[in-house]
Amino acid sequence: MEADYVLTGKIFTAAQKHKYVEAVAVKDGKFVYVGSKDGAKSYIGPKTEYIVNNNGLFIPGMTDSHMHFSSGATEGMYKIQLAGGKSVDDYTKIIKKYVAEHPDRDYYMGTGWENAIIAERPDKSWIDAACSDKPVLLQSVDGHSYIVNSKALENAGIGKGYVSKEKGEFVLDPKTKEPTGLVREWAMGDILKTVPDYTVEEIKKAVLWLQDRLLSMGLTSIYEPILRDETRAQQALEELDIEGKLKLKVVSGFHIRPEHDSPDKLDDFAAIRDAYHGKHYKCNNLKFVVDGVVESATAYFFDDYVHKPGYRGNFNCTQEQLNNMMRRAKEKGFQVHCHVIGDAAIDAALTGIEYAQAKKPKKDWRPTLTHLQVIRESDIARMAKDKVIAACDPAWFFKDPIYFDALEVKYLGLERASREYKLKSFWDQGVLVSAATDFPVTNPDPMETIEVGVTRCAPGDKSEKTVLDPTERVSVEQMLTSYTINGAFQNFREKETGSIEVGKAADMVLLDQDLFTINPHDIHNTKPIFTMIDGKMVYSRGKK
């Protein structure tokens, strides 16, 4: 057989057997040979492209197991980018510059501010100083808060003493009871309803822009937990798939709120899911947001926040509501994916999963918990027993001063903050671990995530001043496994992708460095030379 490609070098396959081989052959979009260089010779013909690389590393295509793909794309293309600002004054300058460059806009959306930075001026005054005649709505980097200007509040009819009916709050000035402009959690919906939705064409344009960036990083598959513009984002992804423009293999989820939504809403979601069966896109998941985040003091814990005795955070629904919606999700054939930050939220999610499993047993449900900032050892054992996947975000797993020092120690105390973000413990107790970035919260580059998972330090920190609990470090092989076959398994795609095996889709990446031999603090400098999906080069360095 004459192959389309024969590739030789150091190859990590992520397969259970023969994890490391010398050569592969690709024909008609699939791997047709995996083994030795000598064995690959018979696949070389006149039209075969023969690629030899003895300095880098071939790996399977990588999966980001929790990233906000379509919404992250629109944020990146159409919103003010505050990331990189080091002060409120920096943010103000960025807003002024953007407004001056886009005078035709009726309103301005932005993203990327840090809670620790706006703590110096947690009110709308600095946004009003940048733009007072049009609404400005700025989302925090974690997506769980907004800060808006006076015009945005006015347009939404929000004034003195306003109390949202949703979980969360419009923070009020303690003296005047006027809204400060800071909005937490689901209360954001009260003001976002005034903002026009993106069109399908706008979403498609943004998705294609972001897709090129992700392909250049070696990503071939992703899981998007929430379609924020549900029907339009769904339509955009379906159309791109039908048009053959969606190169990434995408699985998405619908957002369900047990405290808010009727169980009948799952019937609507199921109808949308069942109406489309494409090549690269499918939607078979439900996202539950069980609690908030530490940085806005809304994550749900067993113990009190140290700065606020008697307060343990937000549980976004009741246990009964969560149990019943989990059971209903399983009955409708939906996989579940739960945002859980605090230990009490993790316990609640596991209780709901166990309730659903007991009511409607199914061997292969693959429920997933993501973020998992503070977890009890007993709940790691529960996850293993219940076959619950841990979709971890290792890029966060170091002592970042803007989070660890400024917020986590302040809110949780040093002891609790110091035992955040388990990783090796999941592996040791038999929990399947996938890798994620929660983009746009974090840079989607897998190399940064892999490095931090291995070092537990900030990328490039050879001094290890930022190390967080080094006993939770994992190996390069474990991180690559999380990014490849484990990510595919989470998405129910392990039979078609995720490892380099005969018969599977030829999804593959060539890295310019061997991650197993370089200093682990240099992993973040590694770049793909090419990315292949279904046997086609979808990214090649230096080529457009």
Protein backbone atom coordinates (compact mmCIF):
# COMPACT_ATOMS: atom_id res chain seq x y z
CA MET A 1 0.00 0.00 0.00
CA GLU A 2 1.31 3.44 -0.93
CA ALA A 3 0.67 5.88 1.91
CA ASP A 4 -0.06 9.58 1.62
CA TYR A 5 2.42 10.25 4.42
CA VAL A 6 5.13 8.29 6.19
CA LEU A 7 6.52 10.01 9.27
CA THR A 8 9.48 8.88 11.36
CA GLY A 9 11.04 10.12 14.59
CA LYS A 10 10.14 9.91 18.27
CA ILE A 11 6.40 9.26 18.43
CA PHE A 12 4.25 9.22 21.57
CA THR A 13 1.09 7.32 20.63
CA ALA A 14 -0.98 7.54 23.88
CA ALA A 15 -2.08 3.96 23.15
CA GLN A 16 -2.25 1.44 25.99
CA LYS A 17 0.20 -0.79 24.13
CA HIS A 18 3.28 0.49 22.30
CA LYS A 19 3.20 4.05 23.68
CA TYR A 20 6.39 4.92 21.83
CA VAL A 21 7.13 4.00 18.21
CA GLU A 22 9.44 5.09 15.39
CA ALA A 23 7.13 5.48 12.40
CA VAL A 24 3.56 5.85 11.19
CA ALA A 25 1.89 5.75 7.79
CA VAL A 26 -1.23 7.71 6.84
CA LYS A 27 -3.64 6.88 4.03
CA ASP A 28 -7.04 8.40 3.24
CA GLY A 29 -7.18 10.25 6.53
CA LYS A 30 -6.35 7.32 8.82
CA PHE A 31 -3.32 5.69 10.37
CA VAL A 32 -2.63 2.50 8.41
CA TYR A 33 0.66 1.59 10.06
CA VAL A 34 2.20 2.26 13.48
CA GLY A 35 5.53 0.69 14.38
CA SER A 36 9.19 0.54 13.39
CA LYS A 37 10.99 2.49 10.66
CA ASP A 38 11.81 -0.70 8.83
CA GLY A 39 8.17 -1.75 8.79
CA ALA A 40 7.11 1.62 7.37
CA LYS A 41 9.34 1.31 4.30
CA SER A 42 6.79 -0.77 2.41
CA TYR A 43 4.32 2.15 2.59
CA ILE A 44 6.62 4.57 0.76
CA GLY A 45 5.79 5.10 -2.91
CA PRO A 46 6.40 7.73 -5.60
CA LYS A 47 3.64 10.01 -4.28
CA THR A 48 4.25 9.50 -0.56
CA GLU A 49 5.37 12.52 1.43
CA TYR A 50 8.16 11.26 3.68
CA ILE A 51 8.72 13.35 6.82
CA VAL A 52 11.68 12.70 9.11
CA ASN A 53 12.20 14.58 12.37
CA ASN A 54 14.68 13.37 14.96
CA ASN A 55 14.76 16.49 17.16
CA GLY A 56 11.13 17.06 18.09
CA LEU A 57 8.22 14.89 19.16
CA PHE A 58 5.21 13.52 17.31
CA ILE A 59 2.07 13.29 19.46
CA PRO A 60 -1.64 12.66 18.86
CA GLY A 61 -3.83 15.69 18.22
CA MET A 62 -4.73 17.37 21.49
CA THR A 63 -8.14 18.02 23.06
CA ASP A 64 -8.96 20.98 25.29
CA SER A 65 -11.61 19.46 27.54
CA HIS A 66 -13.21 22.70 28.72
CA MET A 67 -12.92 25.90 26.72
CA HIS A 68 -15.44 28.53 25.72
CA PHE A 69 -14.92 28.28 21.98
CA SER A 70 -17.64 30.27 20.25
CA SER A 71 -18.09 32.82 23.05
CA GLY A 72 -14.33 33.14 23.46
CA ALA A 73 -14.10 33.78 19.73
CA THR A 74 -16.65 36.60 19.79
CA GLU A 75 -15.03 38.06 22.91
CA GLY A 76 -11.66 38.09 21.20
CA MET A 77 -12.92 39.62 17.96
CA TYR A 78 -15.56 42.10 19.10
CA LYS A 79 -14.77 43.17 22.68
CA ILE A 80 -12.38 45.54 24.43
CA GLN A 81 -9.40 43.48 25.64
CA LEU A 82 -8.40 44.46 29.17
CA ALA A 83 -6.06 41.52 29.78
CA GLY A 84 -2.55 42.78 30.33
CA GLY A 85 -3.65 45.90 32.17
CA LYS A 86 -1.89 46.25 35.52
CA SER A 87 -4.07 48.94 37.10
CA VAL A 88 -7.44 50.66 36.85
CA ASP A 89 -5.66 53.51 35.07
CA ASP A 90 -4.43 51.01 32.46
CA TYR A 91 -7.98 49.75 31.98
CA THR A 92 -9.25 53.31 31.56
CA LYS A 93 -6.66 54.05 28.87
CA ILE A 94 -7.52 50.85 27.01
CA ILE A 95 -11.23 51.73 27.03
CA LYS A 96 -10.63 55.31 25.86
CA LYS A 97 -8.44 54.11 23.00
CA TYR A 98 -11.00 51.53 21.88
CA VAL A 99 -13.89 54.01 22.02
CA ALA A 100 -11.90 56.51 19.97
CA GLU A 101 -11.14 53.85 17.37
CA HIS A 102 -14.77 52.62 17.19
CA PRO A 103 -16.94 55.77 17.45
CA ASP A 104 -19.81 54.18 15.50
CA ARG A 105 -20.63 51.60 18.19
CA ASP A 106 -23.91 52.01 20.10
CA TYR A 107 -22.48 50.18 23.12
CA TYR A 108 -19.14 48.71 24.16
CA MET A 109 -18.41 45.28 25.60
CA GLY A 110 -15.10 44.37 27.19
CA THR A 111 -13.46 41.45 28.94
CA GLY A 112 -10.43 40.48 30.97
CA TRP A 113 -10.35 42.59 34.14
CA GLU A 114 -8.97 41.10 37.34
CA ASN A 115 -10.76 41.26 40.70
CA ALA A 116 -7.50 42.00 42.50
CA ILE A 117 -6.88 45.02 40.26
CA ILE A 118 -10.30 46.66 40.46
CA ALA A 119 -10.26 46.22 44.23
CA GLU A 120 -8.53 49.62 44.32
CA ARG A 121 -11.63 51.23 42.73
CA PRO A 122 -14.52 48.72 42.64
CA ASP A 123 -17.06 51.10 41.14
CA LYS A 124 -18.22 52.62 37.87
CA SER A 125 -16.44 55.98 38.26
CA TRP A 126 -13.37 55.03 36.22
CA ILE A 127 -15.50 53.60 33.41
CA ASP A 128 -17.63 56.76 33.35
CA ALA A 129 -14.39 58.72 33.03
CA ALA A 130 -13.51 56.69 29.94
CA CYS A 131 -16.97 56.76 28.33
CA SER A 132 -20.13 58.28 29.78
CA ASP A 133 -22.47 58.73 26.81
CA LYS A 134 -22.78 55.07 25.72
CA PRO A 135 -23.21 51.83 27.70
CA VAL A 136 -19.98 50.04 28.63
CA LEU A 137 -20.16 46.51 30.05
CA LEU A 138 -16.92 44.84 31.13
CA GLN A 139 -16.68 41.15 32.01
CA SER A 140 -14.14 39.81 34.52
CA VAL A 141 -11.51 37.36 33.32
CA ASP A 142 -13.30 34.49 35.10
CA GLY A 143 -16.66 35.35 33.53
CA HIS A 144 -18.48 35.48 36.87
CA SER A 145 -18.73 39.26 37.29
CA TYR A 146 -19.31 42.45 35.32
CA ILE A 147 -18.55 46.06 36.05
CA VAL A 148 -20.57 48.57 34.04
CA ASN A 149 -20.87 52.32 33.61
CA SER A 150 -23.75 54.58 34.62
CA LYS A 151 -25.23 54.61 31.12
CA ALA A 152 -25.50 50.81 31.10
CA LEU A 153 -27.33 50.88 34.43
CA GLU A 154 -29.63 53.63 33.19
CA ASN A 155 -30.49 51.72 30.00
CA ALA A 156 -31.37 48.63 32.04
CA GLY A 157 -33.55 50.62 34.46
CA ILE A 158 -31.36 49.74 37.42
CA GLY A 159 -31.19 52.36 40.15
CA LYS A 160 -31.05 53.01 43.87
CA GLY A 161 -31.69 50.00 46.09
CA TYR A 162 -31.95 47.56 43.18
CA VAL A 163 -32.10 43.89 44.18
CA SER A 164 -31.91 41.18 41.54
CA LYS A 165 -34.21 38.18 41.70
CA GLU A 166 -31.34 36.05 40.43
CA LYS A 167 -28.52 34.42 42.37
CA GLY A 168 -25.79 37.01 42.72
CA GLU A 169 -26.12 40.74 43.26
CA PHE A 170 -25.79 44.28 42.05
CA VAL A 171 -23.33 45.58 44.62
CA LEU A 172 -24.72 48.73 46.26
CA ASP A 173 -22.90 51.57 47.96
CA PRO A 174 -23.41 50.89 51.69
CA LYS A 175 -24.26 54.53 52.39
CA THR A 176 -26.24 55.73 49.38
CA LYS A 177 -27.61 52.33 48.22
CA GLU A 178 -26.81 53.39 44.67
CA PRO A 179 -25.47 50.60 42.42
CA THR A 180 -21.69 50.75 42.26
CA GLY A 181 -21.63 49.18 38.81
CA LEU A 182 -20.23 45.86 40.06
CA VAL A 183 -22.44 42.86 39.28
CA ARG A 184 -21.90 39.29 40.52
CA GLU A 185 -22.98 35.92 39.09
CA TRP A 186 -26.48 35.39 37.58
CA ALA A 187 -27.59 38.93 38.36
CA MET A 188 -25.55 39.79 35.25
CA GLY A 189 -28.52 38.68 33.18
CA ASP A 190 -30.54 41.69 34.35
CA ILE A 191 -28.22 44.00 32.44
CA LEU A 192 -27.05 41.72 29.63
CA LYS A 193 -30.63 41.51 28.35
CA THR A 194 -30.15 45.05 27.02
CA VAL A 195 -27.24 43.97 24.79
CA PRO A 196 -27.97 42.80 21.22
CA ASP A 197 -26.97 39.23 20.35
CA TYR A 198 -24.29 38.43 17.81
CA THR A 199 -25.56 37.30 14.43
CA VAL A 200 -24.81 33.84 13.07
CA GLU A 201 -22.43 35.36 10.52
CA GLU A 202 -20.58 37.32 13.21
CA ILE A 203 -20.16 34.13 15.25
CA LYS A 204 -18.93 32.18 12.21
CA LYS A 205 -16.37 34.84 11.37
CA ALA A 206 -15.06 34.85 14.94
CA VAL A 207 -14.97 31.04 15.18
CA LEU A 208 -12.86 30.75 12.02
CA TRP A 209 -10.48 33.41 13.34
CA LEU A 210 -10.02 31.56 16.64
CA GLN A 211 -9.84 28.16 14.96
CA ASP A 212 -6.69 29.20 13.08
CA ARG A 213 -5.06 30.17 16.36
CA LEU A 214 -5.97 26.89 18.07
CA LEU A 215 -4.76 24.77 15.15
CA SER A 216 -1.40 26.53 15.34
CA MET A 217 -1.17 25.38 18.97
CA GLY A 218 -1.73 21.71 18.15
CA LEU A 219 -5.35 21.45 19.23
CA THR A 220 -7.51 19.19 17.07
CA SER A 221 -10.56 18.73 19.31
CA ILE A 222 -12.35 20.76 21.96
CA TYR A 223 -15.24 20.61 24.39
CA GLU A 224 -17.28 23.80 24.74
CA PRO A 225 -19.38 23.63 27.92
CA ILE A 226 -21.87 26.42 27.26
CA LEU A 227 -23.24 27.79 24.01
CA ARG A 228 -23.90 31.30 25.34
CA ASP A 229 -25.88 32.35 22.25
CA GLU A 230 -27.51 28.94 22.18
CA THR A 231 -29.47 28.81 18.93
CA ARG A 232 -27.18 31.14 16.99
CA ALA A 233 -23.94 29.49 18.14
CA GLN A 234 -25.43 26.07 17.42
CA GLN A 235 -26.44 27.19 13.94
CA ALA A 236 -23.04 28.78 13.30
CA LEU A 237 -21.15 25.62 14.22
CA GLU A 238 -23.51 23.41 12.23
CA GLU A 239 -23.19 25.62 9.14
CA LEU A 240 -19.40 25.67 9.36
CA ASP A 241 -19.39 21.88 9.69
CA ILE A 242 -21.69 21.46 6.67
CA GLU A 243 -19.54 23.90 4.67
CA GLY A 244 -16.42 21.89 5.51
CA LYS A 245 -14.84 24.87 7.28
CA LEU A 246 -14.98 23.46 10.81
CA LYS A 247 -11.67 21.64 11.00
CA LEU A 248 -11.64 21.21 14.77
CA LYS A 249 -13.68 18.35 16.21
CA VAL A 250 -16.10 20.09 18.55
CA VAL A 251 -18.44 18.78 21.22
CA SER A 252 -20.62 21.38 22.93
CA GLY A 253 -23.04 21.51 25.81
CA PHE A 254 -26.23 23.30 26.73
CA HIS A 255 -26.47 25.31 29.94
CA ILE A 256 -29.07 24.09 32.42
CA ARG A 257 -30.03 25.78 35.70
CA PRO A 258 -31.89 23.41 38.05
CA GLU A 259 -33.12 26.30 40.21
CA HIS A 260 -34.48 28.16 37.21
CA ASP A 261 -35.29 25.82 34.31
CA SER A 262 -38.17 23.42 33.92
CA PRO A 263 -37.23 19.78 33.27
CA ASP A 264 -39.17 20.19 30.01
CA LYS A 265 -36.32 22.36 28.75
CA LEU A 266 -34.35 19.16 28.30
CA ASP A 267 -36.91 18.09 25.70
CA ASP A 268 -36.06 21.21 23.69
CA PHE A 269 -32.34 20.55 24.03
CA ALA A 270 -32.79 16.92 23.02
CA ALA A 271 -34.67 17.97 19.88
CA ILE A 272 -31.84 20.30 18.88
CA ARG A 273 -29.24 17.63 19.64
CA ASP A 274 -31.03 14.93 17.68
CA ALA A 275 -31.72 17.10 14.63
CA TYR A 276 -28.08 17.34 13.56
CA HIS A 277 -25.51 14.61 12.98
CA GLY A 278 -22.44 16.15 11.40
CA LYS A 279 -18.85 15.17 10.75
CA HIS A 280 -16.97 17.35 13.23
CA TYR A 281 -19.66 18.89 15.42
CA LYS A 282 -22.05 17.40 17.93
CA CYS A 283 -23.87 18.57 21.05
CA ASN A 284 -24.66 15.92 23.64
CA ASN A 285 -23.89 17.54 26.96
CA LEU A 286 -25.44 19.57 29.78
CA LYS A 287 -23.43 22.08 31.80
CA PHE A 288 -24.34 22.60 35.47
CA VAL A 289 -22.82 25.60 37.28
CA VAL A 290 -23.03 24.38 40.86
CA ASP A 291 -21.28 27.29 42.58
CA GLY A 292 -19.35 30.47 41.82
CA VAL A 293 -15.65 31.34 42.09
CA VAL A 294 -13.26 32.18 44.90
CA GLU A 295 -12.26 35.55 43.46
CA SER A 296 -15.80 36.91 43.87
CA ALA A 297 -16.31 34.92 47.11
CA THR A 298 -19.14 32.89 45.58
CA ALA A 299 -17.57 29.40 45.51
CA TYR A 300 -19.34 27.02 47.91
CA PHE A 301 -17.37 25.54 50.83
CA PHE A 302 -17.95 23.45 53.95
CA ASP A 303 -15.96 25.96 56.01
CA ASP A 304 -16.53 29.70 56.25
CA TYR A 305 -14.68 32.31 54.24
CA VAL A 306 -12.07 33.67 56.64
CA HIS A 307 -12.91 37.31 55.82
CA LYS A 308 -16.64 36.75 56.38
CA PRO A 309 -17.49 34.44 59.31
CA GLY A 310 -20.76 32.58 58.89
CA TYR A 311 -20.64 32.76 55.10
CA ARG A 312 -19.75 29.71 52.97
CA GLY A 313 -20.52 30.94 49.44
CA ASN A 314 -23.27 30.22 46.93
CA PHE A 315 -24.90 26.88 46.19
CA ASN A 316 -26.77 27.82 43.02
CA CYS A 317 -29.69 25.45 43.61
CA THR A 318 -30.97 23.01 46.20
CA GLN A 319 -29.70 19.44 46.42
CA GLU A 320 -33.15 18.16 45.48
CA GLN A 321 -33.24 20.36 42.37
CA LEU A 322 -29.77 19.19 41.36
CA ASN A 323 -30.62 15.53 41.96
CA ASN A 324 -33.79 15.67 39.91
CA MET A 325 -32.23 17.52 36.98
CA MET A 326 -29.28 15.10 36.94
CA ARG A 327 -31.70 12.18 36.84
CA ARG A 328 -33.68 13.81 34.05
CA ALA A 329 -30.48 14.52 32.11
CA LYS A 330 -29.49 10.89 32.28
CA GLU A 331 -32.94 9.76 31.19
CA LYS A 332 -32.63 12.01 28.14
CA GLY A 333 -29.20 10.64 27.25
CA PHE A 334 -27.18 13.74 28.11
CA GLN A 335 -23.68 13.55 29.52
CA VAL A 336 -23.26 16.03 32.40
CA HIS A 337 -20.41 18.46 33.02
CA CYS A 338 -20.32 20.38 36.31
CA HIS A 339 -18.54 23.59 37.26
CA VAL A 340 -17.42 22.99 40.86
CA ILE A 341 -14.90 25.13 42.73
CA GLY A 342 -15.49 24.61 46.46
CA ASP A 343 -15.46 21.33 48.36
CA ALA A 344 -19.15 21.61 49.27
CA ALA A 345 -20.05 22.14 45.61
CA ILE A 346 -18.05 19.05 44.65
CA ASP A 347 -19.87 17.02 47.28
CA ALA A 348 -23.24 18.27 46.02
CA ALA A 349 -22.41 17.43 42.40
CA LEU A 350 -21.27 13.92 43.34
CA THR A 351 -24.44 13.42 45.37
CA GLY A 352 -26.51 14.42 42.33
CA ILE A 353 -24.53 12.10 40.05
CA GLU A 354 -24.91 9.20 42.48
CA TYR A 355 -28.64 9.86 42.75
CA ALA A 356 -29.04 9.78 38.97
CA GLN A 357 -26.94 6.65 38.63
CA ALA A 358 -28.99 4.87 41.28
CA LYS A 359 -32.30 5.87 39.67
CA LYS A 360 -31.25 5.02 36.13
CA PRO A 361 -28.17 2.81 35.99
CA LYS A 362 -26.06 3.07 32.87
CA LYS A 363 -22.60 1.62 32.46
CA ASP A 364 -21.02 4.41 30.45
CA TRP A 365 -22.29 7.89 31.37
CA ARG A 366 -18.93 9.67 31.86
CA PRO A 367 -20.05 12.53 34.11
CA THR A 368 -17.38 15.20 34.44
CA LEU A 369 -16.42 17.68 37.15
CA THR A 370 -14.30 20.64 36.19
CA HIS A 371 -12.08 23.17 38.04
CA LEU A 372 -12.07 21.28 41.38
CA GLN A 373 -10.18 23.98 43.27
CA VAL A 374 -10.57 22.59 46.80
CA ILE A 375 -11.57 18.94 47.23
CA ARG A 376 -11.72 16.52 50.15
CA GLU A 377 -9.65 13.34 49.86
CA SER A 378 -12.80 11.30 50.41
CA ASP A 379 -14.40 12.89 47.35
CA ILE A 380 -11.46 11.95 45.15
CA ALA A 381 -12.20 8.35 46.14
CA ARG A 382 -15.89 8.91 45.33
CA MET A 383 -14.98 10.21 41.88
CA ALA A 384 -12.92 7.08 41.21
CA LYS A 385 -15.70 4.80 42.45
CA ASP A 386 -18.37 6.63 40.43
CA LYS A 387 -16.15 6.85 37.32
CA VAL A 388 -16.37 10.64 37.29
CA ILE A 389 -13.86 12.42 35.04
CA ALA A 390 -11.73 15.29 36.40
CA ALA A 391 -11.37 18.02 33.75
CA CYS A 392 -8.50 19.93 35.35
CA ASP A 393 -7.03 23.35 34.49
CA PRO A 394 -3.32 22.91 35.32
CA ALA A 395 -2.38 26.35 33.96
CA TRP A 396 -3.80 27.71 37.24
CA PHE A 397 -1.80 25.38 39.50
CA PHE A 398 0.85 27.76 40.84
CA LYS A 399 1.05 30.65 43.29
CA ASP A 400 0.02 33.50 41.04
CA PRO A 401 0.35 36.68 43.16
CA ILE A 402 -2.75 38.26 41.60
CA TYR A 403 -4.82 35.26 42.72
CA PHE A 404 -3.06 33.28 45.44
CA ASP A 405 -1.73 36.18 47.51
CA ALA A 406 -4.37 38.82 46.77
CA LEU A 407 -7.53 36.70 46.87
CA GLU A 408 -7.21 33.03 47.78
CA VAL A 409 -5.22 33.42 50.99
CA LYS A 410 -7.35 36.44 51.90
CA TYR A 411 -10.64 34.58 51.45
CA LEU A 412 -9.72 30.97 52.27
CA GLY A 413 -6.78 31.26 54.64
CA LEU A 414 -3.25 30.03 53.98
CA GLU A 415 -3.84 26.40 54.94
CA ARG A 416 -6.83 25.90 52.64
CA ALA A 417 -5.29 27.89 49.79
CA SER A 418 -2.07 25.89 50.02
CA ARG A 419 -3.87 22.62 49.31
CA GLU A 420 -5.69 23.85 46.23
CA TYR A 421 -5.72 22.12 42.88
CA LYS A 422 -4.98 18.44 43.32
CA LEU A 423 -3.60 16.66 40.27
CA LYS A 424 -1.35 13.71 41.11
CA SER A 425 -3.90 12.65 43.75
CA PHE A 426 -6.48 12.07 41.01
CA TRP A 427 -4.05 9.89 39.07
CA ASP A 428 -2.99 7.98 42.18
CA GLN A 429 -6.57 7.12 43.11
CA GLY A 430 -7.59 6.07 39.59
CA VAL A 431 -9.63 9.09 38.46
CA LEU A 432 -9.44 9.73 34.72
CA VAL A 433 -7.95 13.21 34.20
CA SER A 434 -8.46 15.37 31.12
CA ALA A 435 -6.78 18.74 30.50
CA ALA A 436 -8.42 22.11 29.93
CA THR A 437 -7.72 25.84 29.96
CA ASP A 438 -11.19 27.38 30.42
CA PHE A 439 -10.24 29.78 27.59
CA PRO A 440 -10.65 32.76 27.47
CA VAL A 441 -9.91 32.66 31.20
CA THR A 442 -6.47 31.24 30.36
CA ASN A 443 -4.21 31.17 27.32
CA PRO A 444 -5.33 28.09 25.32
CA ASP A 445 -1.73 27.04 24.51
CA PRO A 446 -1.39 23.40 25.70
CA MET A 447 2.36 23.77 26.20
CA GLU A 448 1.87 26.26 29.03
CA THR A 449 -0.68 23.97 30.65
CA ILE A 450 1.56 20.93 30.33
CA GLU A 451 4.51 22.79 31.86
CA VAL A 452 2.56 23.98 34.89
CA GLY A 453 1.10 20.51 35.42
CA VAL A 454 4.63 19.10 35.51
CA THR A 455 6.33 21.89 37.52
CA ARG A 456 3.48 23.44 39.59
CA CYS A 457 5.22 26.78 38.88
CA ALA A 458 4.47 29.74 36.64
CA PRO A 459 5.67 29.17 33.07
CA GLY A 460 9.43 29.71 32.90
CA ASP A 461 9.87 30.06 36.68
CA LYS A 462 13.14 28.17 37.09
CA SER A 463 13.58 29.70 40.55
CA GLU A 464 10.38 27.89 41.58
CA LYS A 465 9.31 30.84 43.73
CA THR A 466 5.72 30.32 42.57
CA VAL A 467 5.55 26.58 43.28
CA LEU A 468 2.22 25.32 44.67
CA ASP A 469 2.29 21.97 46.50
CA PRO A 470 5.03 20.15 44.56
CA THR A 471 3.74 16.79 45.80
CA GLU A 472 0.95 17.19 43.22
CA ARG A 473 3.32 17.32 40.22
CA VAL A 474 2.69 14.83 37.43
CA SER A 475 4.85 13.53 34.58
CA VAL A 476 5.05 14.75 30.99
CA GLU A 477 3.50 11.45 29.90
CA GLN A 478 0.55 11.96 32.25
CA MET A 479 -0.03 15.48 30.96
CA LEU A 480 0.14 14.33 27.33
CA THR A 481 -2.25 11.48 28.13
CA SER A 482 -4.68 14.00 29.67
CA TYR A 483 -4.51 16.13 26.53
CA THR A 484 -4.91 13.25 24.07
CA ILE A 485 -6.68 9.95 24.72
CA ASN A 486 -8.29 11.09 27.98
CA GLY A 487 -9.77 14.18 26.33
CA ALA A 488 -11.10 12.03 23.50
CA PHE A 489 -12.59 9.63 26.07
CA GLN A 490 -14.39 12.47 27.85
CA ASN A 491 -15.94 13.44 24.50
CA PHE A 492 -16.95 9.85 23.63
CA ARG A 493 -14.54 9.99 20.68
CA GLU A 494 -11.78 7.66 21.85
CA LYS A 495 -12.62 5.09 19.18
CA GLU A 496 -11.92 7.58 16.40
CA THR A 497 -9.19 9.88 17.77
CA GLY A 498 -6.98 10.66 20.78
CA SER A 499 -4.23 8.12 20.11
CA ILE A 500 -2.04 7.03 17.22
CA GLU A 501 -3.37 3.59 16.35
CA VAL A 502 -4.17 1.77 13.12
CA GLY A 503 -7.69 2.59 11.95
CA LYS A 504 -8.03 5.84 13.88
CA ALA A 505 -8.24 9.29 12.34
CA ALA A 506 -4.81 10.68 11.51
CA ASP A 507 -4.97 13.54 14.01
CA MET A 508 -1.37 14.34 14.82
CA VAL A 509 1.02 17.12 15.86
CA LEU A 510 4.77 17.51 15.39
CA LEU A 511 6.38 19.57 18.16
CA ASP A 512 9.71 21.31 17.65
CA GLN A 513 11.10 20.07 20.99
CA ASP A 514 11.08 16.71 22.75
CA LEU A 515 9.08 17.38 25.91
CA PHE A 516 10.61 14.33 27.58
CA THR A 517 14.21 15.54 27.36
CA ILE A 518 14.12 19.34 27.72
CA ASN A 519 14.09 21.24 31.02
CA PRO A 520 10.41 21.14 32.08
CA HIS A 521 10.52 24.89 32.76
CA ASP A 522 11.12 25.37 29.02
CA ILE A 523 8.09 23.40 27.81
CA HIS A 524 6.11 26.61 27.27
CA ASN A 525 8.56 27.60 24.53
CA THR A 526 7.65 24.53 22.46
CA LYS A 527 5.70 25.15 19.24
CA PRO A 528 4.03 22.87 16.70
CA ILE A 529 5.71 22.47 13.32
CA PHE A 530 2.49 21.12 11.87
CA THR A 531 -0.98 20.00 12.92
CA MET A 532 -2.79 17.26 11.01
CA ILE A 533 -6.50 16.39 11.18
CA ASP A 534 -7.95 13.46 9.26
CA GLY A 535 -4.69 13.14 7.36
CA LYS A 536 -4.69 16.75 6.15
CA MET A 537 -2.24 19.46 7.16
CA VAL A 538 -4.47 22.09 8.75
CA TYR A 539 -1.54 24.08 10.10
CA SER A 540 2.07 24.21 8.92
CA ARG A 541 4.53 26.68 10.36
CA GLY A 542 5.36 29.42 7.91
CA LYS A 543 2.51 28.57 5.55
CA LYS A 544 -0.84 30.31 5.23
